[in-house]
Amino acid sequence: MRPGAQPPGERNPREQHPHTLRPIDPGDYAAVSGLTVAAYAPYIPAGSEYLDLLADVEARAAAAEIVVAEIAGAVVGAIVLADAGSALAEIAREGELEFRMIAVAEQARGSGVGTALVRHGIAEARRRGNEAVVLSSMRAMIEARRIYARHGFVEVPERKQYRSIDVFRLVL
């Protein structure tokens, strides 16, 4: 772990909103659905089938691991950890863990929740023995891309699948 870095799941005392991370449970599905759709809606055309996919948290939970972030007992963020070869992994290759559908509720942005979710995912990838983490991000998702850059993710253009979505990889 980098000097000054915090273990996943622990909170930074400088953050104004303490958060906790935990596995999703069925009682969280509606909250995660709503916050994920709200986080992605500005970037996706209305009526897109992808919005339906974002809303279907139950199906995601059946296919991959989902971790949620809470502030004061309210679910305010989520990340999907998809193993290579699983139903939700679009770009992960053998030895890679793919982050999908990372979302933070508007009221929790700037609180460190997005960073904590990414750190947790990186730690989990290491724990599982993966050699790298991959994710896709739209160019317009500037705040998210800043988090990825701070953690050492680099763009891998040769793995790009969609015109407006870039692929990033972090070697562990």
C-alpha atoms as a PDB file:
ATOM      1  CA  MET A   1       0.000   0.000   0.000  1.00  0.00           C
ATOM      2  CA  ARG A   2       1.259   3.509  -0.834  1.00  0.00           C
ATOM      3  CA  PRO A   3       2.527   5.630   2.061  1.00  0.00           C
ATOM      4  CA  GLY A   4      -0.380   7.652   3.391  1.00  0.00           C
ATOM      5  CA  ALA A   5      -2.926   5.445   1.631  1.00  0.00           C
ATOM      6  CA  GLN A   6      -5.776   4.105   3.633  1.00  0.00           C
ATOM      7  CA  PRO A   7      -6.822   0.475   3.845  1.00  0.00           C
ATOM      8  CA  PRO A   8     -10.045  -0.230   1.910  1.00  0.00           C
ATOM      9  CA  GLY A   9     -13.187   0.249   3.916  1.00  0.00           C
ATOM     10  CA  GLU A  10     -11.586   2.588   6.424  1.00  0.00           C
ATOM     11  CA  ARG A  11     -12.529   6.198   6.405  1.00  0.00           C
ATOM     12  CA  ASN A  12     -10.315   9.175   6.034  1.00  0.00           C
ATOM     13  CA  PRO A  13     -10.583  11.430   9.106  1.00  0.00           C
ATOM     14  CA  ARG A  14     -10.406  14.477   6.821  1.00  0.00           C
ATOM     15  CA  GLU A  15     -13.611  13.502   5.036  1.00  0.00           C
ATOM     16  CA  GLN A  16     -16.649  15.354   6.203  1.00  0.00           C
ATOM     17  CA  HIS A  17     -18.978  12.379   5.663  1.00  0.00           C
ATOM     18  CA  PRO A  18     -17.800   9.096   7.196  1.00  0.00           C
ATOM     19  CA  HIS A  19     -18.754   6.121   5.085  1.00  0.00           C
ATOM     20  CA  THR A  20     -18.699   2.363   5.374  1.00  0.00           C
ATOM     21  CA  LEU A  21     -18.439  -0.290   2.675  1.00  0.00           C
ATOM     22  CA  ARG A  22     -20.203  -3.651   2.748  1.00  0.00           C
ATOM     23  CA  PRO A  23     -21.597  -6.330   0.440  1.00  0.00           C
ATOM     24  CA  ILE A  24     -24.986  -5.553  -1.046  1.00  0.00           C
ATOM     25  CA  ASP A  25     -28.081  -7.229   0.329  1.00  0.00           C
ATOM     26  CA  PRO A  26     -31.501  -7.512  -1.335  1.00  0.00           C
ATOM     27  CA  GLY A  27     -32.856  -4.652   0.745  1.00  0.00           C
ATOM     28  CA  ASP A  28     -30.376  -2.356  -1.062  1.00  0.00           C
ATOM     29  CA  TYR A  29     -31.473  -3.180  -4.601  1.00  0.00           C
ATOM     30  CA  ALA A  30     -33.949  -0.308  -5.008  1.00  0.00           C
ATOM     31  CA  ALA A  31     -31.536   2.285  -3.603  1.00  0.00           C
ATOM     32  CA  VAL A  32     -28.660   1.068  -5.780  1.00  0.00           C
ATOM     33  CA  SER A  33     -30.927   0.966  -8.830  1.00  0.00           C
ATOM     34  CA  GLY A  34     -32.060   4.541  -8.288  1.00  0.00           C
ATOM     35  CA  LEU A  35     -28.650   6.016  -7.586  1.00  0.00           C
ATOM     36  CA  THR A  36     -27.000   4.144 -10.476  1.00  0.00           C
ATOM     37  CA  VAL A  37     -29.608   5.232 -13.020  1.00  0.00           C
ATOM     38  CA  ALA A  38     -29.409   8.819 -11.706  1.00  0.00           C
ATOM     39  CA  ALA A  39     -25.600   8.822 -11.921  1.00  0.00           C
ATOM     40  CA  TYR A  40     -25.532   7.548 -15.517  1.00  0.00           C
ATOM     41  CA  ALA A  41     -28.672   9.249 -16.900  1.00  0.00           C
ATOM     42  CA  PRO A  42     -26.899  12.504 -17.882  1.00  0.00           C
ATOM     43  CA  TYR A  43     -24.589  10.497 -20.164  1.00  0.00           C
ATOM     44  CA  ILE A  44     -27.028   8.040 -21.742  1.00  0.00           C
ATOM     45  CA  PRO A  45     -29.900   8.803 -24.122  1.00  0.00           C
ATOM     46  CA  ALA A  46     -33.374   8.486 -22.623  1.00  0.00           C
ATOM     47  CA  GLY A  47     -34.990   5.177 -23.492  1.00  0.00           C
ATOM     48  CA  SER A  48     -31.648   3.403 -23.886  1.00  0.00           C
ATOM     49  CA  GLU A  49     -31.636  -0.295 -23.023  1.00  0.00           C
ATOM     50  CA  TYR A  50     -28.501   0.381 -20.968  1.00  0.00           C
ATOM     51  CA  LEU A  51     -30.606   2.340 -18.467  1.00  0.00           C
ATOM     52  CA  ASP A  52     -32.713  -0.803 -18.012  1.00  0.00           C
ATOM     53  CA  LEU A  53     -29.536  -2.800 -17.383  1.00  0.00           C
ATOM     54  CA  LEU A  54     -28.391  -0.216 -14.834  1.00  0.00           C
ATOM     55  CA  ALA A  55     -31.744  -0.420 -13.061  1.00  0.00           C
ATOM     56  CA  ASP A  56     -31.686  -4.236 -12.761  1.00  0.00           C
ATOM     57  CA  VAL A  57     -29.572  -4.612  -9.636  1.00  0.00           C
ATOM     58  CA  GLU A  58     -31.012  -8.015  -8.799  1.00  0.00           C
ATOM     59  CA  ALA A  59     -29.637  -9.468 -12.051  1.00  0.00           C
ATOM     60  CA  ARG A  60     -26.238  -7.823 -11.428  1.00  0.00           C
ATOM     61  CA  ALA A  61     -26.095  -9.233  -7.899  1.00  0.00           C
ATOM     62  CA  ALA A  62     -26.782 -12.716  -9.268  1.00  0.00           C
ATOM     63  CA  ALA A  63     -23.918 -12.424 -11.778  1.00  0.00           C
ATOM     64  CA  ALA A  64     -21.203 -10.553  -9.847  1.00  0.00           C
ATOM     65  CA  GLU A  65     -20.167  -9.118  -6.512  1.00  0.00           C
ATOM     66  CA  ILE A  66     -21.602  -5.717  -5.606  1.00  0.00           C
ATOM     67  CA  VAL A  67     -20.238  -3.588  -2.793  1.00  0.00           C
ATOM     68  CA  VAL A  68     -22.204  -0.621  -1.466  1.00  0.00           C
ATOM     69  CA  ALA A  69     -21.143   2.489   0.395  1.00  0.00           C
ATOM     70  CA  GLU A  70     -23.239   3.952   3.188  1.00  0.00           C
ATOM     71  CA  ILE A  71     -23.254   7.307   4.906  1.00  0.00           C
ATOM     72  CA  ALA A  72     -25.316   7.531   8.082  1.00  0.00           C
ATOM     73  CA  GLY A  73     -27.087   4.277   7.174  1.00  0.00           C
ATOM     74  CA  ALA A  74     -28.103   5.419   3.672  1.00  0.00           C
ATOM     75  CA  VAL A  75     -26.745   3.663   0.585  1.00  0.00           C
ATOM     76  CA  VAL A  76     -24.911   6.310  -1.444  1.00  0.00           C
ATOM     77  CA  GLY A  77     -22.655   4.340  -3.781  1.00  0.00           C
ATOM     78  CA  ALA A  78     -21.953   1.003  -5.398  1.00  0.00           C
ATOM     79  CA  ILE A  79     -19.399  -0.869  -7.480  1.00  0.00           C
ATOM     80  CA  VAL A  80     -19.704  -4.139  -9.385  1.00  0.00           C
ATOM     81  CA  LEU A  81     -16.687  -6.467  -9.330  1.00  0.00           C
ATOM     82  CA  ALA A  82     -16.941  -8.782 -12.346  1.00  0.00           C
ATOM     83  CA  ASP A  83     -14.558 -11.688 -12.816  1.00  0.00           C
ATOM     84  CA  ALA A  84     -13.198 -12.380 -16.298  1.00  0.00           C
ATOM     85  CA  GLY A  85     -15.546 -14.714 -18.137  1.00  0.00           C
ATOM     86  CA  SER A  86     -18.562 -13.818 -15.990  1.00  0.00           C
ATOM     87  CA  ALA A  87     -21.820 -12.578 -17.477  1.00  0.00           C
ATOM     88  CA  LEU A  88     -21.062  -8.947 -16.585  1.00  0.00           C
ATOM     89  CA  ALA A  89     -17.432  -8.809 -17.673  1.00  0.00           C
ATOM     90  CA  GLU A  90     -17.225  -7.065 -21.046  1.00  0.00           C
ATOM     91  CA  ILE A  91     -13.502  -6.358 -21.282  1.00  0.00           C
ATOM     92  CA  ALA A  92     -11.768  -8.387 -18.555  1.00  0.00           C
ATOM     93  CA  ARG A  93      -9.323 -11.007 -19.708  1.00  0.00           C
ATOM     94  CA  GLU A  94      -7.995 -13.938 -17.717  1.00  0.00           C
ATOM     95  CA  GLY A  95      -6.208 -12.587 -14.632  1.00  0.00           C
ATOM     96  CA  GLU A  96      -8.161  -9.319 -14.598  1.00  0.00           C
ATOM     97  CA  LEU A  97     -11.020  -8.060 -12.438  1.00  0.00           C
ATOM     98  CA  GLU A  98     -13.430  -5.669 -14.132  1.00  0.00           C
ATOM     99  CA  PHE A  99     -15.087  -2.747 -12.362  1.00  0.00           C
ATOM    100  CA  ARG A 100     -18.572  -2.006 -13.683  1.00  0.00           C
ATOM    101  CA  MET A 101     -21.357   0.440 -12.968  1.00  0.00           C
ATOM    102  CA  ILE A 102     -19.538   2.466 -10.331  1.00  0.00           C
ATOM    103  CA  ALA A 103     -22.014   5.031  -9.070  1.00  0.00           C
ATOM    104  CA  VAL A 104     -22.179   7.612  -6.304  1.00  0.00           C
ATOM    105  CA  ALA A 105     -25.343   9.475  -5.326  1.00  0.00           C
ATOM    106  CA  GLU A 106     -25.225  13.177  -6.088  1.00  0.00           C
ATOM    107  CA  GLN A 107     -25.446  14.157  -2.415  1.00  0.00           C
ATOM    108  CA  ALA A 108     -22.363  12.032  -1.617  1.00  0.00           C
ATOM    109  CA  ARG A 109     -20.087  13.261  -4.406  1.00  0.00           C
ATOM    110  CA  GLY A 110     -16.907  14.787  -3.082  1.00  0.00           C
ATOM    111  CA  SER A 111     -17.154  12.806   0.157  1.00  0.00           C
ATOM    112  CA  GLY A 112     -14.554  10.178  -0.770  1.00  0.00           C
ATOM    113  CA  VAL A 113     -17.092   7.450  -1.520  1.00  0.00           C
ATOM    114  CA  GLY A 114     -16.000   6.963  -5.144  1.00  0.00           C
ATOM    115  CA  THR A 115     -12.363   6.764  -4.105  1.00  0.00           C
ATOM    116  CA  ALA A 116     -13.183   4.283  -1.340  1.00  0.00           C
ATOM    117  CA  LEU A 117     -15.095   2.038  -3.752  1.00  0.00           C
ATOM    118  CA  VAL A 118     -12.195   2.033  -6.220  1.00  0.00           C
ATOM    119  CA  ARG A 119      -9.651   1.341  -3.463  1.00  0.00           C
ATOM    120  CA  HIS A 120     -11.774  -1.503  -2.179  1.00  0.00           C
ATOM    121  CA  GLY A 121     -12.016  -3.004  -5.655  1.00  0.00           C
ATOM    122  CA  ILE A 122      -8.251  -2.778  -6.151  1.00  0.00           C
ATOM    123  CA  ALA A 123      -7.632  -4.456  -2.799  1.00  0.00           C
ATOM    124  CA  GLU A 124     -10.129  -7.183  -3.669  1.00  0.00           C
ATOM    125  CA  ALA A 125      -8.444  -7.776  -7.038  1.00  0.00           C
ATOM    126  CA  ARG A 126      -5.111  -8.212  -5.260  1.00  0.00           C
ATOM    127  CA  ARG A 127      -6.682 -10.518  -2.679  1.00  0.00           C
ATOM    128  CA  ARG A 128      -8.061 -12.694  -5.492  1.00  0.00           C
ATOM    129  CA  GLY A 129      -4.636 -12.868  -7.118  1.00  0.00           C
ATOM    130  CA  ASN A 130      -5.523 -10.868 -10.221  1.00  0.00           C
ATOM    131  CA  GLU A 131      -2.717  -9.269 -12.179  1.00  0.00           C
ATOM    132  CA  ALA A 132      -4.733  -6.213 -13.225  1.00  0.00           C
ATOM    133  CA  VAL A 133      -8.008  -4.308 -12.991  1.00  0.00           C
ATOM    134  CA  VAL A 134      -9.873  -2.978 -16.030  1.00  0.00           C
ATOM    135  CA  LEU A 135     -12.798  -0.624 -16.471  1.00  0.00           C
ATOM    136  CA  SER A 136     -14.565   1.438 -19.115  1.00  0.00           C
ATOM    137  CA  SER A 137     -15.410   5.104 -18.760  1.00  0.00           C
ATOM    138  CA  MET A 138     -17.148   7.651 -20.922  1.00  0.00           C
ATOM    139  CA  ARG A 139     -15.088  10.718 -21.760  1.00  0.00           C
ATOM    140  CA  ALA A 140     -17.659  12.978 -20.127  1.00  0.00           C
ATOM    141  CA  MET A 141     -17.248  11.275 -16.731  1.00  0.00           C
ATOM    142  CA  ILE A 142     -14.469  13.660 -15.732  1.00  0.00           C
ATOM    143  CA  GLU A 143     -14.680  13.253 -11.952  1.00  0.00           C
ATOM    144  CA  ALA A 144     -14.593   9.453 -12.167  1.00  0.00           C
ATOM    145  CA  ARG A 145     -11.654   9.568 -14.570  1.00  0.00           C
ATOM    146  CA  ARG A 146      -9.728  11.722 -12.110  1.00  0.00           C
ATOM    147  CA  ILE A 147     -10.160   9.021  -9.451  1.00  0.00           C
ATOM    148  CA  TYR A 148      -8.922   6.364 -11.868  1.00  0.00           C
ATOM    149  CA  ALA A 149      -5.886   8.446 -12.851  1.00  0.00           C
ATOM    150  CA  ARG A 150      -4.984   9.054  -9.196  1.00  0.00           C
ATOM    151  CA  HIS A 151      -4.925   5.301  -8.662  1.00  0.00           C
ATOM    152  CA  GLY A 152      -2.666   4.659 -11.650  1.00  0.00           C
ATOM    153  CA  PHE A 153      -5.142   3.439 -14.261  1.00  0.00           C
ATOM    154  CA  VAL A 154      -3.898   4.070 -17.801  1.00  0.00           C
ATOM    155  CA  GLU A 155      -5.841   4.116 -21.038  1.00  0.00           C
ATOM    156  CA  VAL A 156      -5.506   1.076 -23.295  1.00  0.00           C
ATOM    157  CA  PRO A 157      -6.878   2.271 -26.655  1.00  0.00           C
ATOM    158  CA  GLU A 158      -6.296  -1.083 -28.353  1.00  0.00           C
ATOM    159  CA  ARG A 159      -9.025  -2.593 -26.134  1.00  0.00           C
ATOM    160  CA  LYS A 160     -11.613   0.073 -26.870  1.00  0.00           C
ATOM    161  CA  GLN A 161     -14.968  -1.339 -27.998  1.00  0.00           C
ATOM    162  CA  TYR A 162     -17.173   1.740 -28.285  1.00  0.00           C
ATOM    163  CA  ARG A 163     -16.414   5.128 -29.876  1.00  0.00           C
ATOM    164  CA  SER A 164     -17.226   7.268 -26.812  1.00  0.00           C
ATOM    165  CA  ILE A 165     -16.055   4.866 -24.105  1.00  0.00           C
ATOM    166  CA  ASP A 166     -12.407   4.433 -23.188  1.00  0.00           C
ATOM    167  CA  VAL A 167     -10.847   1.385 -21.529  1.00  0.00           C
ATOM    168  CA  PHE A 168      -8.457   1.783 -18.599  1.00  0.00           C
ATOM    169  CA  ARG A 169      -6.195  -0.764 -16.921  1.00  0.00           C
ATOM    170  CA  LEU A 170      -4.285  -0.845 -13.669  1.00  0.00           C
ATOM    171  CA  VAL A 171      -1.480  -3.384 -13.349  1.00  0.00           C
ATOM    172  CA  LEU A 172      -1.328  -4.686  -9.784  1.00  0.00           C
END
